[in-house]
Structures are given as C-alpha cells and as structure tokens.
Amino acid sequence: MPIFYFQFEARPKKPAEAGGAFINCWIDRATREEAESHARDAIANQDWSVTRLEEAVLVTRETQSAESRQYFDQAEIDGEVFVFHTWPVEAQDHGTSPV
C-alpha cells in the first residue's frame, strides 16, 4: 500500500503542558482520503484538535530524508507513525490559527 505523509498543526483539547504541536504522520492506507481520516481520528483520540493541515503528500522511501526514513520504514511495519513536535503553553503564537 502507499504511504502518505501529513503534517498537521494541532492544539490540546484540555489544559496541558504543551500549547500546541506540529504532528508529522506517515500513514499506510489505500487512498489519501482514508489515510487523512485515519490520521485525524488518531490525533483526536490522543486529545488533540487539528487546527490546520500543513502538508499532505504521497511518499516513497527514496523521497524521505535520512532522518525521516526511519519513520517511513516503521510505518511500513506498523501502518502508522506519529511524531509530535510540541511547544510550551507560554510560547509566543507562531502565527498559527486559534482554537
């Protein structure tokens, strides 16, 4: 199956240590729509609200950087990988959308 890469901006649904996050996702699904729906559901199940889709592309092992290749390879095994890059609550707004 193809692997789709998404980057979402998200905010926690409840007060948390993080003020927000960029979430990188590698999802193994038949279509982009299925992959995006699965990613959004999984993020919501972790008590995060997606505020914006930053990027959505079909990827191959060859299109991945050396750093990203490990996540791609793991998505081939597990069907999904999520990497949260959070920022603290007190951090200045990064020009992101409000919740």
C-alpha atoms as a PDB file:
ATOM      1  CA  MET A   1       0.000   0.000   0.000  1.00  0.00           C
ATOM      2  CA  PRO A   2       1.092   3.586  -0.480  1.00  0.00           C
ATOM      3  CA  ILE A   3       2.318   5.668   2.427  1.00  0.00           C
ATOM      4  CA  PHE A   4       1.053   9.192   2.832  1.00  0.00           C
ATOM      5  CA  TYR A   5       2.813  11.885   4.826  1.00  0.00           C
ATOM      6  CA  PHE A   6       0.826  14.584   6.594  1.00  0.00           C
ATOM      7  CA  GLN A   7       1.848  17.469   8.783  1.00  0.00           C
ATOM      8  CA  PHE A   8      -0.896  18.898  10.968  1.00  0.00           C
ATOM      9  CA  GLU A   9      -0.923  21.793  13.361  1.00  0.00           C
ATOM     10  CA  ALA A  10      -2.898  20.936  16.494  1.00  0.00           C
ATOM     11  CA  ARG A  11      -3.826  22.188  19.931  1.00  0.00           C
ATOM     12  CA  PRO A  12      -4.559  20.102  23.033  1.00  0.00           C
ATOM     13  CA  LYS A  13      -8.266  19.670  23.798  1.00  0.00           C
ATOM     14  CA  LYS A  14      -7.641  20.055  27.549  1.00  0.00           C
ATOM     15  CA  PRO A  15      -5.201  22.196  29.507  1.00  0.00           C
ATOM     16  CA  ALA A  16      -1.814  20.563  29.054  1.00  0.00           C
ATOM     17  CA  GLU A  17       1.915  21.102  29.287  1.00  0.00           C
ATOM     18  CA  ALA A  18       2.013  21.806  25.559  1.00  0.00           C
ATOM     19  CA  GLY A  19       0.456  24.845  23.954  1.00  0.00           C
ATOM     20  CA  GLY A  20       0.344  23.196  20.560  1.00  0.00           C
ATOM     21  CA  ALA A  21       2.160  20.903  18.191  1.00  0.00           C
ATOM     22  CA  PHE A  22       3.099  20.147  14.666  1.00  0.00           C
ATOM     23  CA  ILE A  23       2.320  16.480  14.145  1.00  0.00           C
ATOM     24  CA  ASN A  24       4.107  14.558  11.398  1.00  0.00           C
ATOM     25  CA  CYS A  25       2.295  11.418  10.277  1.00  0.00           C
ATOM     26  CA  TRP A  26       3.235   8.550   7.987  1.00  0.00           C
ATOM     27  CA  ILE A  27       0.109   6.531   7.233  1.00  0.00           C
ATOM     28  CA  ASP A  28      -0.161   3.310   5.204  1.00  0.00           C
ATOM     29  CA  ARG A  29      -3.624   3.297   3.578  1.00  0.00           C
ATOM     30  CA  ALA A  30      -5.041   2.675   0.115  1.00  0.00           C
ATOM     31  CA  THR A  31      -6.090   6.286  -0.558  1.00  0.00           C
ATOM     32  CA  ARG A  32      -5.175   9.770   0.630  1.00  0.00           C
ATOM     33  CA  GLU A  33      -8.701  10.241   1.963  1.00  0.00           C
ATOM     34  CA  GLU A  34      -8.508   7.059   4.069  1.00  0.00           C
ATOM     35  CA  ALA A  35      -5.048   7.989   5.333  1.00  0.00           C
ATOM     36  CA  GLU A  36      -6.037  11.541   6.288  1.00  0.00           C
ATOM     37  CA  SER A  37      -9.223  10.366   8.003  1.00  0.00           C
ATOM     38  CA  HIS A  38      -7.269   7.785   9.996  1.00  0.00           C
ATOM     39  CA  ALA A  39      -4.622  10.341  10.998  1.00  0.00           C
ATOM     40  CA  ARG A  40      -7.216  12.885  12.125  1.00  0.00           C
ATOM     41  CA  ASP A  41      -9.093  10.237  14.148  1.00  0.00           C
ATOM     42  CA  ALA A  42      -5.900   9.013  15.819  1.00  0.00           C
ATOM     43  CA  ILE A  43      -4.882  12.569  16.720  1.00  0.00           C
ATOM     44  CA  ALA A  44      -8.343  13.291  18.147  1.00  0.00           C
ATOM     45  CA  ASN A  45      -8.147  10.085  20.194  1.00  0.00           C
ATOM     46  CA  GLN A  46      -4.989  11.497  21.820  1.00  0.00           C
ATOM     47  CA  ASP A  47      -6.979  14.578  22.960  1.00  0.00           C
ATOM     48  CA  TRP A  48      -5.684  16.933  20.289  1.00  0.00           C
ATOM     49  CA  SER A  49      -7.696  19.107  17.894  1.00  0.00           C
ATOM     50  CA  VAL A  50      -6.304  19.600  14.414  1.00  0.00           C
ATOM     51  CA  THR A  51      -6.333  23.291  13.534  1.00  0.00           C
ATOM     52  CA  ARG A  52      -4.704  23.119  10.122  1.00  0.00           C
ATOM     53  CA  LEU A  53      -3.365  20.680   7.560  1.00  0.00           C
ATOM     54  CA  GLU A  54       0.099  21.944   6.630  1.00  0.00           C
ATOM     55  CA  GLU A  55       1.185  19.285   4.141  1.00  0.00           C
ATOM     56  CA  ALA A  56      -0.163  16.132   2.504  1.00  0.00           C
ATOM     57  CA  VAL A  57       1.892  14.070   0.047  1.00  0.00           C
ATOM     58  CA  LEU A  58       2.359  10.532  -1.185  1.00  0.00           C
ATOM     59  CA  VAL A  59       5.882   9.454  -0.216  1.00  0.00           C
ATOM     60  CA  THR A  60       8.314   6.676  -1.024  1.00  0.00           C
ATOM     61  CA  ARG A  61      11.395   5.548   0.822  1.00  0.00           C
ATOM     62  CA  GLU A  62      13.524   7.346  -1.765  1.00  0.00           C
ATOM     63  CA  THR A  63      11.768  10.690  -1.200  1.00  0.00           C
ATOM     64  CA  GLN A  64      12.488  10.643   2.538  1.00  0.00           C
ATOM     65  CA  SER A  65      15.429  12.345   4.192  1.00  0.00           C
ATOM     66  CA  ALA A  66      17.809  10.198   6.226  1.00  0.00           C
ATOM     67  CA  GLU A  67      16.048  11.365   9.400  1.00  0.00           C
ATOM     68  CA  SER A  68      12.533  10.717   8.073  1.00  0.00           C
ATOM     69  CA  ARG A  69      13.358   7.329   6.571  1.00  0.00           C
ATOM     70  CA  GLN A  70      13.168   5.638   9.989  1.00  0.00           C
ATOM     71  CA  TYR A  71       9.556   6.804  10.360  1.00  0.00           C
ATOM     72  CA  PHE A  72       8.678   5.708   6.847  1.00  0.00           C
ATOM     73  CA  ASP A  73      10.192   2.273   7.485  1.00  0.00           C
ATOM     74  CA  GLN A  74       8.279   1.942  10.753  1.00  0.00           C
ATOM     75  CA  ALA A  75       5.020   2.922   9.007  1.00  0.00           C
ATOM     76  CA  GLU A  76       5.600   0.064   6.563  1.00  0.00           C
ATOM     77  CA  ILE A  77       5.701  -2.293   9.573  1.00  0.00           C
ATOM     78  CA  ASP A  78       3.037  -0.765  11.861  1.00  0.00           C
ATOM     79  CA  GLY A  79       0.844   1.009   9.307  1.00  0.00           C
ATOM     80  CA  GLU A  80       1.273   4.380  11.001  1.00  0.00           C
ATOM     81  CA  VAL A  81       3.748   6.650  12.761  1.00  0.00           C
ATOM     82  CA  PHE A  82       3.003   9.913  14.578  1.00  0.00           C
ATOM     83  CA  VAL A  83       5.721  12.344  15.692  1.00  0.00           C
ATOM     84  CA  PHE A  84       4.598  15.258  17.878  1.00  0.00           C
ATOM     85  CA  HIS A  85       6.753  18.408  17.894  1.00  0.00           C
ATOM     86  CA  THR A  86       5.254  20.394  20.753  1.00  0.00           C
ATOM     87  CA  TRP A  87       5.765  23.893  22.027  1.00  0.00           C
ATOM     88  CA  PRO A  88       5.098  25.099  25.595  1.00  0.00           C
ATOM     89  CA  VAL A  89       1.917  26.848  26.699  1.00  0.00           C
ATOM     90  CA  GLU A  90       3.781  30.067  27.357  1.00  0.00           C
ATOM     91  CA  ALA A  91       5.376  30.158  23.918  1.00  0.00           C
ATOM     92  CA  GLN A  92       4.512  33.063  21.717  1.00  0.00           C
ATOM     93  CA  ASP A  93       1.982  32.284  18.984  1.00  0.00           C
ATOM     94  CA  HIS A  94       3.814  31.022  15.906  1.00  0.00           C
ATOM     95  CA  GLY A  95       1.340  32.707  13.579  1.00  0.00           C
ATOM     96  CA  THR A  96      -0.922  29.720  13.974  1.00  0.00           C
ATOM     97  CA  SER A  97      -4.659  29.608  13.946  1.00  0.00           C
ATOM     98  CA  PRO A  98      -6.558  29.928  17.223  1.00  0.00           C
ATOM     99  CA  VAL A  99      -8.570  27.041  18.609  1.00  0.00           C
END
